[in-house]
Each structure stands twice: as C-alpha cells, then as structure tokens.
Amino acid sequence: LPQTGPALATLGILTFLGSWNNFLWPLVAVQSADMYTLPVALALYS
C-alpha cells in the first residue's frame, strides 16, 4: 500500500466523484426524505 499512493489517490478521487454525483440509484433505493443525498434532494425540491 505505501508503494501505491498515486494509484490510490487516482482511484479515490474518481470513486468519490462518481458517488457524490450519483443520482439515479439513490433516487430508487431511498424512499424517505431524511435519507436523500444532495443531488436527489436538489432535483426534487427545485
């Protein structure tokens, strides 16, 4: 692991980006307002 720092950082930012912007799956898998993520809440409230 200490030898793979650049690859870990690359994979981490790409994964974080995809999870933070994920919209369709949280919209389907979540049914109560208190479990909404930001993209889902923003789309529904605006």
All heavy atoms as atom14 arrays in JSON, in Angstrom:
{
  "sequence": "LPQTGPALATLGILTFLGSWNNFLWPLVAVQSADMYTLPVALALYS",
  "atom14_mask": [
    [1, 1, 1, 1, 1, 1, 1, 1, 0, 0, 0, 0, 0, 0],
    [1, 1, 1, 1, 1, 1, 1, 0, 0, 0, 0, 0, 0, 0],
    [1, 1, 1, 1, 1, 1, 1, 1, 1, 0, 0, 0, 0, 0],
    [1, 1, 1, 1, 1, 1, 1, 0, 0, 0, 0, 0, 0, 0],
    [1, 1, 1, 1, 0, 0, 0, 0, 0, 0, 0, 0, 0, 0],
    [1, 1, 1, 1, 1, 1, 1, 0, 0, 0, 0, 0, 0, 0],
    [1, 1, 1, 1, 1, 0, 0, 0, 0, 0, 0, 0, 0, 0],
    [1, 1, 1, 1, 1, 1, 1, 1, 0, 0, 0, 0, 0, 0],
    [1, 1, 1, 1, 1, 0, 0, 0, 0, 0, 0, 0, 0, 0],
    [1, 1, 1, 1, 1, 1, 1, 0, 0, 0, 0, 0, 0, 0],
    [1, 1, 1, 1, 1, 1, 1, 1, 0, 0, 0, 0, 0, 0],
    [1, 1, 1, 1, 0, 0, 0, 0, 0, 0, 0, 0, 0, 0],
    [1, 1, 1, 1, 1, 1, 1, 1, 0, 0, 0, 0, 0, 0],
    [1, 1, 1, 1, 1, 1, 1, 1, 0, 0, 0, 0, 0, 0],
    [1, 1, 1, 1, 1, 1, 1, 0, 0, 0, 0, 0, 0, 0],
    [1, 1, 1, 1, 1, 1, 1, 1, 1, 1, 1, 0, 0, 0],
    [1, 1, 1, 1, 1, 1, 1, 1, 0, 0, 0, 0, 0, 0],
    [1, 1, 1, 1, 0, 0, 0, 0, 0, 0, 0, 0, 0, 0],
    [1, 1, 1, 1, 1, 1, 0, 0, 0, 0, 0, 0, 0, 0],
    [1, 1, 1, 1, 1, 1, 1, 1, 1, 1, 1, 1, 1, 1],
    [1, 1, 1, 1, 1, 1, 1, 1, 0, 0, 0, 0, 0, 0],
    [1, 1, 1, 1, 1, 1, 1, 1, 0, 0, 0, 0, 0, 0],
    [1, 1, 1, 1, 1, 1, 1, 1, 1, 1, 1, 0, 0, 0],
    [1, 1, 1, 1, 1, 1, 1, 1, 0, 0, 0, 0, 0, 0],
    [1, 1, 1, 1, 1, 1, 1, 1, 1, 1, 1, 1, 1, 1],
    [1, 1, 1, 1, 1, 1, 1, 0, 0, 0, 0, 0, 0, 0],
    [1, 1, 1, 1, 1, 1, 1, 1, 0, 0, 0, 0, 0, 0],
    [1, 1, 1, 1, 1, 1, 1, 0, 0, 0, 0, 0, 0, 0],
    [1, 1, 1, 1, 1, 0, 0, 0, 0, 0, 0, 0, 0, 0],
    [1, 1, 1, 1, 1, 1, 1, 0, 0, 0, 0, 0, 0, 0],
    [1, 1, 1, 1, 1, 1, 1, 1, 1, 0, 0, 0, 0, 0],
    [1, 1, 1, 1, 1, 1, 0, 0, 0, 0, 0, 0, 0, 0],
    [1, 1, 1, 1, 1, 0, 0, 0, 0, 0, 0, 0, 0, 0],
    [1, 1, 1, 1, 1, 1, 1, 1, 0, 0, 0, 0, 0, 0],
    [1, 1, 1, 1, 1, 1, 1, 1, 0, 0, 0, 0, 0, 0],
    [1, 1, 1, 1, 1, 1, 1, 1, 1, 1, 1, 1, 0, 0],
    [1, 1, 1, 1, 1, 1, 1, 0, 0, 0, 0, 0, 0, 0],
    [1, 1, 1, 1, 1, 1, 1, 1, 0, 0, 0, 0, 0, 0],
    [1, 1, 1, 1, 1, 1, 1, 0, 0, 0, 0, 0, 0, 0],
    [1, 1, 1, 1, 1, 1, 1, 0, 0, 0, 0, 0, 0, 0],
    [1, 1, 1, 1, 1, 0, 0, 0, 0, 0, 0, 0, 0, 0],
    [1, 1, 1, 1, 1, 1, 1, 1, 0, 0, 0, 0, 0, 0],
    [1, 1, 1, 1, 1, 0, 0, 0, 0, 0, 0, 0, 0, 0],
    [1, 1, 1, 1, 1, 1, 1, 1, 0, 0, 0, 0, 0, 0],
    [1, 1, 1, 1, 1, 1, 1, 1, 1, 1, 1, 1, 0, 0],
    [1, 1, 1, 1, 1, 1, 0, 0, 0, 0, 0, 0, 0, 0]
  ],
  "atom14_positions": [
    [[0.81, -1.23, 0.0], [0.0, 0.0, 0.0], [0.84, 1.28, 0.0], [0.51, 2.22, -0.73], [-0.96, 0.0, 1.19], [-2.25, -0.81, 1.03], [-3.18, -0.56, 2.21], [-2.96, -0.47, -0.27], [0.0, 0.0, 0.0], [0.0, 0.0, 0.0], [0.0, 0.0, 0.0], [0.0, 0.0, 0.0], [0.0, 0.0, 0.0], [0.0, 0.0, 0.0]],
    [[1.92, 1.37, 0.81], [2.73, 2.61, 0.74], [3.36, 2.84, -0.63], [3.69, 3.99, -0.95], [3.81, 2.39, 1.81], [3.2, 1.43, 2.78], [2.37, 0.52, 1.95], [0.0, 0.0, 0.0], [0.0, 0.0, 0.0], [0.0, 0.0, 0.0], [0.0, 0.0, 0.0], [0.0, 0.0, 0.0], [0.0, 0.0, 0.0], [0.0, 0.0, 0.0]],
    [[3.51, 1.8, -1.45], [4.11, 1.96, -2.77], [3.09, 2.4, -3.82], [3.47, 2.76, -4.94], [4.74, 0.63, -3.22], [5.78, 0.08, -2.27], [7.06, 0.9, -2.26], [7.42, 1.49, -3.27], [7.74, 0.95, -1.12], [0.0, 0.0, 0.0], [0.0, 0.0, 0.0], [0.0, 0.0, 0.0], [0.0, 0.0, 0.0], [0.0, 0.0, 0.0]],
    [[1.82, 2.35, -3.49], [0.77, 2.62, -4.49], [0.0, 3.9, -4.18], [-1.18, 3.99, -4.51], [-0.21, 1.43, -4.53], [-0.77, 1.22, -3.23], [0.5, 0.16, -4.98], [0.0, 0.0, 0.0], [0.0, 0.0, 0.0], [0.0, 0.0, 0.0], [0.0, 0.0, 0.0], [0.0, 0.0, 0.0], [0.0, 0.0, 0.0], [0.0, 0.0, 0.0]],
    [[0.66, 4.88, -3.58], [-0.01, 6.12, -3.24], [-0.65, 6.84, -4.42], [-1.83, 7.23, -4.36], [0.0, 0.0, 0.0], [0.0, 0.0, 0.0], [0.0, 0.0, 0.0], [0.0, 0.0, 0.0], [0.0, 0.0, 0.0], [0.0, 0.0, 0.0], [0.0, 0.0, 0.0], [0.0, 0.0, 0.0], [0.0, 0.0, 0.0], [0.0, 0.0, 0.0]],
    [[0.06, 7.04, -5.53], [-0.56, 7.73, -6.67], [-1.78, 7.01, -7.22], [-2.79, 7.64, -7.54], [0.58, 7.77, -7.7], [1.82, 7.69, -6.9], [1.5, 6.81, -5.75], [0.0, 0.0, 0.0], [0.0, 0.0, 0.0], [0.0, 0.0, 0.0], [0.0, 0.0, 0.0], [0.0, 0.0, 0.0], [0.0, 0.0, 0.0], [0.0, 0.0, 0.0]],
    [[-1.72, 5.68, -7.32], [-2.87, 4.93, -7.83], [-4.05, 5.0, -6.86], [-5.21, 5.11, -7.28], [-2.47, 3.48, -8.09], [0.0, 0.0, 0.0], [0.0, 0.0, 0.0], [0.0, 0.0, 0.0], [0.0, 0.0, 0.0], [0.0, 0.0, 0.0], [0.0, 0.0, 0.0], [0.0, 0.0, 0.0], [0.0, 0.0, 0.0], [0.0, 0.0, 0.0]],
    [[-3.77, 4.94, -5.57], [-4.83, 5.06, -4.57], [-5.51, 6.43, -4.64], [-6.73, 6.53, -4.54], [-4.27, 4.81, -3.17], [-3.78, 3.4, -2.86], [-3.15, 3.36, -1.47], [-4.9, 2.4, -2.96], [0.0, 0.0, 0.0], [0.0, 0.0, 0.0], [0.0, 0.0, 0.0], [0.0, 0.0, 0.0], [0.0, 0.0, 0.0], [0.0, 0.0, 0.0]],
    [[-4.71, 7.49, -4.81], [-5.29, 8.83, -4.92], [-6.14, 8.97, -6.18], [-7.22, 9.57, -6.15], [-4.17, 9.87, -4.91], [0.0, 0.0, 0.0], [0.0, 0.0, 0.0], [0.0, 0.0, 0.0], [0.0, 0.0, 0.0], [0.0, 0.0, 0.0], [0.0, 0.0, 0.0], [0.0, 0.0, 0.0], [0.0, 0.0, 0.0], [0.0, 0.0, 0.0]],
    [[-5.66, 8.42, -7.29], [-6.42, 8.48, -8.53], [-7.75, 7.76, -8.4], [-8.81, 8.29, -8.75], [-5.6, 7.88, -9.68], [-4.36, 8.57, -9.79], [-6.36, 7.98, -10.98], [0.0, 0.0, 0.0], [0.0, 0.0, 0.0], [0.0, 0.0, 0.0], [0.0, 0.0, 0.0], [0.0, 0.0, 0.0], [0.0, 0.0, 0.0], [0.0, 0.0, 0.0]],
    [[-7.7, 6.54, -7.91], [-8.93, 5.77, -7.73], [-9.86, 6.41, -6.71], [-11.09, 6.41, -6.87], [-8.58, 4.34, -7.3], [-9.76, 3.39, -7.09], [-10.58, 3.26, -8.36], [-9.27, 2.03, -6.62], [0.0, 0.0, 0.0], [0.0, 0.0, 0.0], [0.0, 0.0, 0.0], [0.0, 0.0, 0.0], [0.0, 0.0, 0.0], [0.0, 0.0, 0.0]],
    [[-9.29, 7.0, -5.66], [-10.11, 7.64, -4.63], [-10.89, 8.82, -5.16], [-12.09, 8.96, -4.9], [0.0, 0.0, 0.0], [0.0, 0.0, 0.0], [0.0, 0.0, 0.0], [0.0, 0.0, 0.0], [0.0, 0.0, 0.0], [0.0, 0.0, 0.0], [0.0, 0.0, 0.0], [0.0, 0.0, 0.0], [0.0, 0.0, 0.0], [0.0, 0.0, 0.0]],
    [[-10.24, 9.7, -5.92], [-10.94, 10.88, -6.42], [-11.98, 10.5, -7.45], [-13.09, 11.07, -7.5], [-9.94, 11.91, -6.99], [-10.66, 13.18, -7.43], [-9.16, 11.34, -8.14], [-11.43, 13.9, -6.37], [0.0, 0.0, 0.0], [0.0, 0.0, 0.0], [0.0, 0.0, 0.0], [0.0, 0.0, 0.0], [0.0, 0.0, 0.0], [0.0, 0.0, 0.0]],
    [[-11.69, 9.51, -8.31], [-12.68, 9.08, -9.3], [-13.88, 8.43, -8.63], [-15.03, 8.65, -9.04], [-12.03, 8.11, -10.29], [-10.94, 8.7, -11.19], [-10.34, 7.62, -12.09], [-11.48, 9.85, -12.03], [0.0, 0.0, 0.0], [0.0, 0.0, 0.0], [0.0, 0.0, 0.0], [0.0, 0.0, 0.0], [0.0, 0.0, 0.0], [0.0, 0.0, 0.0]],
    [[-13.62, 7.63, -7.6], [-14.74, 6.99, -6.89], [-15.56, 8.01, -6.12], [-16.79, 7.96, -6.11], [-14.19, 5.92, -5.93], [-13.37, 5.0, -6.65], [-15.32, 5.17, -5.27], [0.0, 0.0, 0.0], [0.0, 0.0, 0.0], [0.0, 0.0, 0.0], [0.0, 0.0, 0.0], [0.0, 0.0, 0.0], [0.0, 0.0, 0.0], [0.0, 0.0, 0.0]],
    [[-14.89, 8.94, -5.46], [-15.6, 9.98, -4.73], [-16.46, 10.82, -5.66], [-17.6, 11.16, -5.34], [-14.6, 10.87, -3.98], [-15.24, 11.93, -3.14], [-15.63, 11.66, -1.84], [-15.43, 13.21, -3.64], [-16.22, 12.63, -1.05], [-16.02, 14.19, -2.86], [-16.42, 13.91, -1.56], [0.0, 0.0, 0.0], [0.0, 0.0, 0.0], [0.0, 0.0, 0.0]],
    [[-15.91, 11.14, -6.82], [-16.66, 11.94, -7.79], [-17.91, 11.21, -8.25], [-19.01, 11.79, -8.31], [-15.76, 12.25, -8.99], [-16.4, 13.01, -10.15], [-16.84, 14.39, -9.71], [-15.45, 13.11, -11.33], [0.0, 0.0, 0.0], [0.0, 0.0, 0.0], [0.0, 0.0, 0.0], [0.0, 0.0, 0.0], [0.0, 0.0, 0.0], [0.0, 0.0, 0.0]],
    [[-17.78, 9.92, -8.58], [-18.94, 9.17, -9.03], [-19.99, 8.99, -7.95], [-21.19, 9.08, -8.22], [0.0, 0.0, 0.0], [0.0, 0.0, 0.0], [0.0, 0.0, 0.0], [0.0, 0.0, 0.0], [0.0, 0.0, 0.0], [0.0, 0.0, 0.0], [0.0, 0.0, 0.0], [0.0, 0.0, 0.0], [0.0, 0.0, 0.0], [0.0, 0.0, 0.0]],
    [[-19.55, 8.74, -6.71], [-20.5, 8.55, -5.62], [-21.19, 9.86, -5.22], [-22.38, 9.89, -4.93], [-19.78, 7.94, -4.41], [-20.67, 7.77, -3.33], [0.0, 0.0, 0.0], [0.0, 0.0, 0.0], [0.0, 0.0, 0.0], [0.0, 0.0, 0.0], [0.0, 0.0, 0.0], [0.0, 0.0, 0.0], [0.0, 0.0, 0.0], [0.0, 0.0, 0.0]],
    [[-20.43, 10.95, -5.21], [-21.0, 12.24, -4.81], [-22.07, 12.7, -5.81], [-23.07, 13.3, -5.42], [-19.89, 13.26, -4.7], [-20.33, 14.61, -4.19], [-20.7, 15.68, -4.93], [-20.45, 15.01, -2.82], [-21.03, 16.73, -4.12], [-20.89, 16.35, -2.82], [-20.21, 14.37, -1.61], [-21.1, 17.06, -1.64], [-20.42, 15.08, -0.43], [-20.86, 16.4, -0.46]],
    [[-21.86, 12.43, -7.09], [-22.8, 12.87, -8.13], [-23.85, 11.84, -8.48], [-24.68, 12.09, -9.36], [-22.03, 13.24, -9.4], [-21.19, 14.48, -9.23], [-21.52, 15.36, -8.44], [-20.09, 14.57, -9.97], [0.0, 0.0, 0.0], [0.0, 0.0, 0.0], [0.0, 0.0, 0.0], [0.0, 0.0, 0.0], [0.0, 0.0, 0.0], [0.0, 0.0, 0.0]],
    [[-23.82, 10.69, -7.83], [-24.78, 9.63, -8.16], [-26.21, 10.1, -7.88], [-26.51, 10.6, -6.78], [-24.46, 8.37, -7.35], [-25.17, 7.16, -7.92], [-25.83, 7.22, -8.96], [-25.04, 6.04, -7.23], [0.0, 0.0, 0.0], [0.0, 0.0, 0.0], [0.0, 0.0, 0.0], [0.0, 0.0, 0.0], [0.0, 0.0, 0.0], [0.0, 0.0, 0.0]],
    [[-27.06, 9.92, -8.86], [-28.44, 10.41, -8.72], [-29.48, 9.3, -8.86], [-30.39, 9.19, -8.04], [-28.71, 11.49, -9.77], [-30.16, 11.91, -9.86], [-30.71, 12.75, -8.89], [-30.97, 11.47, -10.89], [-32.04, 13.13, -8.95], [-32.31, 11.85, -10.96], [-32.84, 12.68, -10.0], [0.0, 0.0, 0.0], [0.0, 0.0, 0.0], [0.0, 0.0, 0.0]],
    [[-29.36, 8.46, -9.89], [-30.43, 7.52, -10.2], [-30.58, 6.45, -9.13], [-31.71, 6.16, -8.7], [-30.15, 6.87, -11.56], [-31.27, 5.97, -12.11], [-32.57, 6.75, -12.22], [-30.87, 5.38, -13.46], [0.0, 0.0, 0.0], [0.0, 0.0, 0.0], [0.0, 0.0, 0.0], [0.0, 0.0, 0.0], [0.0, 0.0, 0.0], [0.0, 0.0, 0.0]],
    [[-29.47, 5.85, -8.68], [-29.59, 4.81, -7.67], [-30.11, 5.33, -6.33], [-31.0, 4.72, -5.74], [-28.25, 4.09, -7.49], [-28.31, 3.02, -6.43], [-27.76, 3.06, -5.2], [-28.99, 1.77, -6.52], [-28.04, 1.91, -4.5], [-28.79, 1.1, -5.3], [-29.73, 1.14, -7.53], [-29.32, -0.16, -5.05], [-30.26, -0.12, -7.27], [-30.05, -0.77, -6.05]],
    [[-29.6, 6.44, -5.78], [-30.21, 6.95, -4.53], [-31.68, 7.33, -4.7], [-32.46, 7.2, -3.75], [-29.36, 8.19, -4.21], [-28.05, 7.92, -4.86], [-28.38, 7.2, -6.13], [0.0, 0.0, 0.0], [0.0, 0.0, 0.0], [0.0, 0.0, 0.0], [0.0, 0.0, 0.0], [0.0, 0.0, 0.0], [0.0, 0.0, 0.0], [0.0, 0.0, 0.0]],
    [[-32.07, 7.78, -5.87], [-33.48, 8.11, -6.1], [-34.37, 6.89, -5.98], [-35.5, 6.98, -5.49], [-33.64, 8.75, -7.48], [-35.05, 9.14, -7.91], [-35.6, 10.25, -7.01], [-35.08, 9.57, -9.37], [0.0, 0.0, 0.0], [0.0, 0.0, 0.0], [0.0, 0.0, 0.0], [0.0, 0.0, 0.0], [0.0, 0.0, 0.0], [0.0, 0.0, 0.0]],
    [[-33.87, 5.72, -6.4], [-34.66, 4.49, -6.36], [-34.53, 3.78, -5.02], [-35.51, 3.25, -4.49], [-34.22, 3.55, -7.51], [-34.93, 2.21, -7.42], [-34.51, 4.2, -8.85], [0.0, 0.0, 0.0], [0.0, 0.0, 0.0], [0.0, 0.0, 0.0], [0.0, 0.0, 0.0], [0.0, 0.0, 0.0], [0.0, 0.0, 0.0], [0.0, 0.0, 0.0]],
    [[-33.32, 3.76, -4.45], [-33.07, 2.98, -3.24], [-33.5, 3.68, -1.97], [-33.54, 3.06, -0.91], [-31.59, 2.63, -3.16], [0.0, 0.0, 0.0], [0.0, 0.0, 0.0], [0.0, 0.0, 0.0], [0.0, 0.0, 0.0], [0.0, 0.0, 0.0], [0.0, 0.0, 0.0], [0.0, 0.0, 0.0], [0.0, 0.0, 0.0], [0.0, 0.0, 0.0]],
    [[-33.82, 4.97, -2.04], [-34.21, 5.75, -0.86], [-35.65, 6.19, -1.03], [-36.04, 6.69, -2.08], [-33.28, 6.96, -0.67], [-33.84, 7.9, 0.37], [-31.89, 6.5, -0.28], [0.0, 0.0, 0.0], [0.0, 0.0, 0.0], [0.0, 0.0, 0.0], [0.0, 0.0, 0.0], [0.0, 0.0, 0.0], [0.0, 0.0, 0.0], [0.0, 0.0, 0.0]],
    [[-36.45, 6.05, 0.03], [-37.87, 6.37, -0.05], [-38.32, 7.42, 0.96], [-39.44, 7.92, 0.86], [-38.7, 5.09, 0.17], [-38.44, 4.03, -0.89], [-39.21, 2.75, -0.63], [-39.81, 2.57, 0.42], [-39.18, 1.83, -1.61], [0.0, 0.0, 0.0], [0.0, 0.0, 0.0], [0.0, 0.0, 0.0], [0.0, 0.0, 0.0], [0.0, 0.0, 0.0]],
    [[-37.49, 7.8, 1.91], [-37.84, 8.82, 2.88], [-36.94, 10.03, 2.7], [-35.77, 9.89, 2.31], [-37.73, 8.29, 4.31], [-36.41, 7.89, 4.59], [0.0, 0.0, 0.0], [0.0, 0.0, 0.0], [0.0, 0.0, 0.0], [0.0, 0.0, 0.0], [0.0, 0.0, 0.0], [0.0, 0.0, 0.0], [0.0, 0.0, 0.0], [0.0, 0.0, 0.0]],
    [[-37.51, 11.21, 3.01], [-36.78, 12.45, 2.75], [-35.52, 12.57, 3.6], [-34.55, 13.21, 3.19], [-37.68, 13.65, 3.01], [0.0, 0.0, 0.0], [0.0, 0.0, 0.0], [0.0, 0.0, 0.0], [0.0, 0.0, 0.0], [0.0, 0.0, 0.0], [0.0, 0.0, 0.0], [0.0, 0.0, 0.0], [0.0, 0.0, 0.0], [0.0, 0.0, 0.0]],
    [[-35.5, 11.98, 4.79], [-34.33, 12.14, 5.65], [-33.13, 11.33, 5.18], [-32.03, 11.49, 5.72], [-34.69, 11.73, 7.09], [-35.17, 10.29, 7.19], [-35.64, 9.76, 6.16], [-35.07, 9.71, 8.28], [0.0, 0.0, 0.0], [0.0, 0.0, 0.0], [0.0, 0.0, 0.0], [0.0, 0.0, 0.0], [0.0, 0.0, 0.0], [0.0, 0.0, 0.0]],
    [[-33.31, 10.48, 4.15], [-32.2, 9.7, 3.61], [-31.74, 10.21, 2.26], [-30.85, 9.62, 1.65], [-32.61, 8.23, 3.48], [-32.78, 7.5, 4.79], [-31.23, 7.36, 5.72], [-30.25, 6.39, 4.58], [0.0, 0.0, 0.0], [0.0, 0.0, 0.0], [0.0, 0.0, 0.0], [0.0, 0.0, 0.0], [0.0, 0.0, 0.0], [0.0, 0.0, 0.0]],
    [[-32.32, 11.32, 1.78], [-31.93, 11.85, 0.48], [-30.48, 12.32, 0.5], [-30.0, 12.88, 1.49], [-32.82, 13.04, 0.08], [-34.21, 12.67, -0.34], [-35.23, 13.62, -0.35], [-34.53, 11.38, -0.75], [-36.51, 13.3, -0.74], [-35.81, 11.05, -1.13], [-36.8, 12.0, -1.13], [-38.08, 11.68, -1.51], [0.0, 0.0, 0.0], [0.0, 0.0, 0.0]],
    [[-29.79, 12.11, -0.62], [-28.5, 12.75, -0.82], [-28.71, 14.09, -1.52], [-29.81, 14.4, -1.98], [-27.58, 11.84, -1.65], [-28.22, 11.53, -2.89], [-27.28, 10.55, -0.92], [0.0, 0.0, 0.0], [0.0, 0.0, 0.0], [0.0, 0.0, 0.0], [0.0, 0.0, 0.0], [0.0, 0.0, 0.0], [0.0, 0.0, 0.0], [0.0, 0.0, 0.0]],
    [[-27.66, 14.88, -1.64], [-27.8, 16.23, -2.19], [-28.34, 16.25, -3.61], [-29.25, 17.05, -3.9], [-26.45, 16.95, -2.12], [-26.13, 17.67, -0.8], [-24.74, 18.28, -0.87], [-27.16, 18.74, -0.51], [0.0, 0.0, 0.0], [0.0, 0.0, 0.0], [0.0, 0.0, 0.0], [0.0, 0.0, 0.0], [0.0, 0.0, 0.0], [0.0, 0.0, 0.0]],
    [[-27.84, 15.45, -4.56], [-28.4, 15.52, -5.92], [-29.88, 15.19, -5.97], [-30.65, 15.84, -6.69], [-27.57, 14.49, -6.7], [-26.28, 14.4, -5.95], [-26.65, 14.57, -4.52], [0.0, 0.0, 0.0], [0.0, 0.0, 0.0], [0.0, 0.0, 0.0], [0.0, 0.0, 0.0], [0.0, 0.0, 0.0], [0.0, 0.0, 0.0], [0.0, 0.0, 0.0]],
    [[-30.32, 14.19, -5.2], [-31.74, 13.81, -5.2], [-32.58, 14.91, -4.57], [-33.63, 15.31, -5.11], [-31.93, 12.48, -4.46], [-33.41, 12.13, -4.35], [-31.17, 11.36, -5.16], [0.0, 0.0, 0.0], [0.0, 0.0, 0.0], [0.0, 0.0, 0.0], [0.0, 0.0, 0.0], [0.0, 0.0, 0.0], [0.0, 0.0, 0.0], [0.0, 0.0, 0.0]],
    [[-32.15, 15.43, -3.44], [-32.9, 16.49, -2.77], [-32.99, 17.73, -3.63], [-34.05, 18.37, -3.72], [-32.26, 16.81, -1.42], [0.0, 0.0, 0.0], [0.0, 0.0, 0.0], [0.0, 0.0, 0.0], [0.0, 0.0, 0.0], [0.0, 0.0, 0.0], [0.0, 0.0, 0.0], [0.0, 0.0, 0.0], [0.0, 0.0, 0.0], [0.0, 0.0, 0.0]],
    [[-31.9, 18.09, -4.28], [-31.91, 19.28, -5.12], [-32.87, 19.13, -6.29], [-33.61, 20.05, -6.62], [-30.5, 19.55, -5.63], [-30.32, 20.75, -6.57], [-30.71, 22.03, -5.87], [-28.89, 20.83, -7.07], [0.0, 0.0, 0.0], [0.0, 0.0, 0.0], [0.0, 0.0, 0.0], [0.0, 0.0, 0.0], [0.0, 0.0, 0.0], [0.0, 0.0, 0.0]],
    [[-32.87, 17.97, -6.93], [-33.76, 17.74, -8.07], [-35.22, 17.77, -7.65], [-36.08, 18.3, -8.37], [-33.42, 16.41, -8.74], [0.0, 0.0, 0.0], [0.0, 0.0, 0.0], [0.0, 0.0, 0.0], [0.0, 0.0, 0.0], [0.0, 0.0, 0.0], [0.0, 0.0, 0.0], [0.0, 0.0, 0.0], [0.0, 0.0, 0.0], [0.0, 0.0, 0.0]],
    [[-35.54, 17.22, -6.49], [-36.93, 17.16, -6.05], [-37.43, 18.49, -5.53], [-38.58, 18.86, -5.77], [-37.08, 16.08, -4.97], [-36.8, 14.63, -5.42], [-36.99, 13.67, -4.26], [-37.68, 14.24, -6.59], [0.0, 0.0, 0.0], [0.0, 0.0, 0.0], [0.0, 0.0, 0.0], [0.0, 0.0, 0.0], [0.0, 0.0, 0.0], [0.0, 0.0, 0.0]],
    [[-36.6, 19.24, -4.83], [-37.05, 20.5, -4.24], [-37.03, 21.66, -5.23], [-37.72, 22.66, -5.0], [-36.18, 20.85, -3.02], [-36.57, 20.11, -1.78], [-36.03, 18.85, -1.51], [-37.48, 20.63, -0.87], [-36.37, 18.15, -0.37], [-37.83, 19.93, 0.28], [-37.28, 18.69, 0.52], [-37.62, 17.99, 1.66], [0.0, 0.0, 0.0], [0.0, 0.0, 0.0]],
    [[-36.27, 21.57, -6.29], [-36.22, 22.67, -7.25], [-37.21, 22.5, -8.4], [-37.33, 23.38, -9.24], [-34.81, 22.78, -7.84], [-34.46, 21.61, -8.54], [0.0, 0.0, 0.0], [0.0, 0.0, 0.0], [0.0, 0.0, 0.0], [0.0, 0.0, 0.0], [0.0, 0.0, 0.0], [0.0, 0.0, 0.0], [0.0, 0.0, 0.0], [0.0, 0.0, 0.0]]
  ]
}
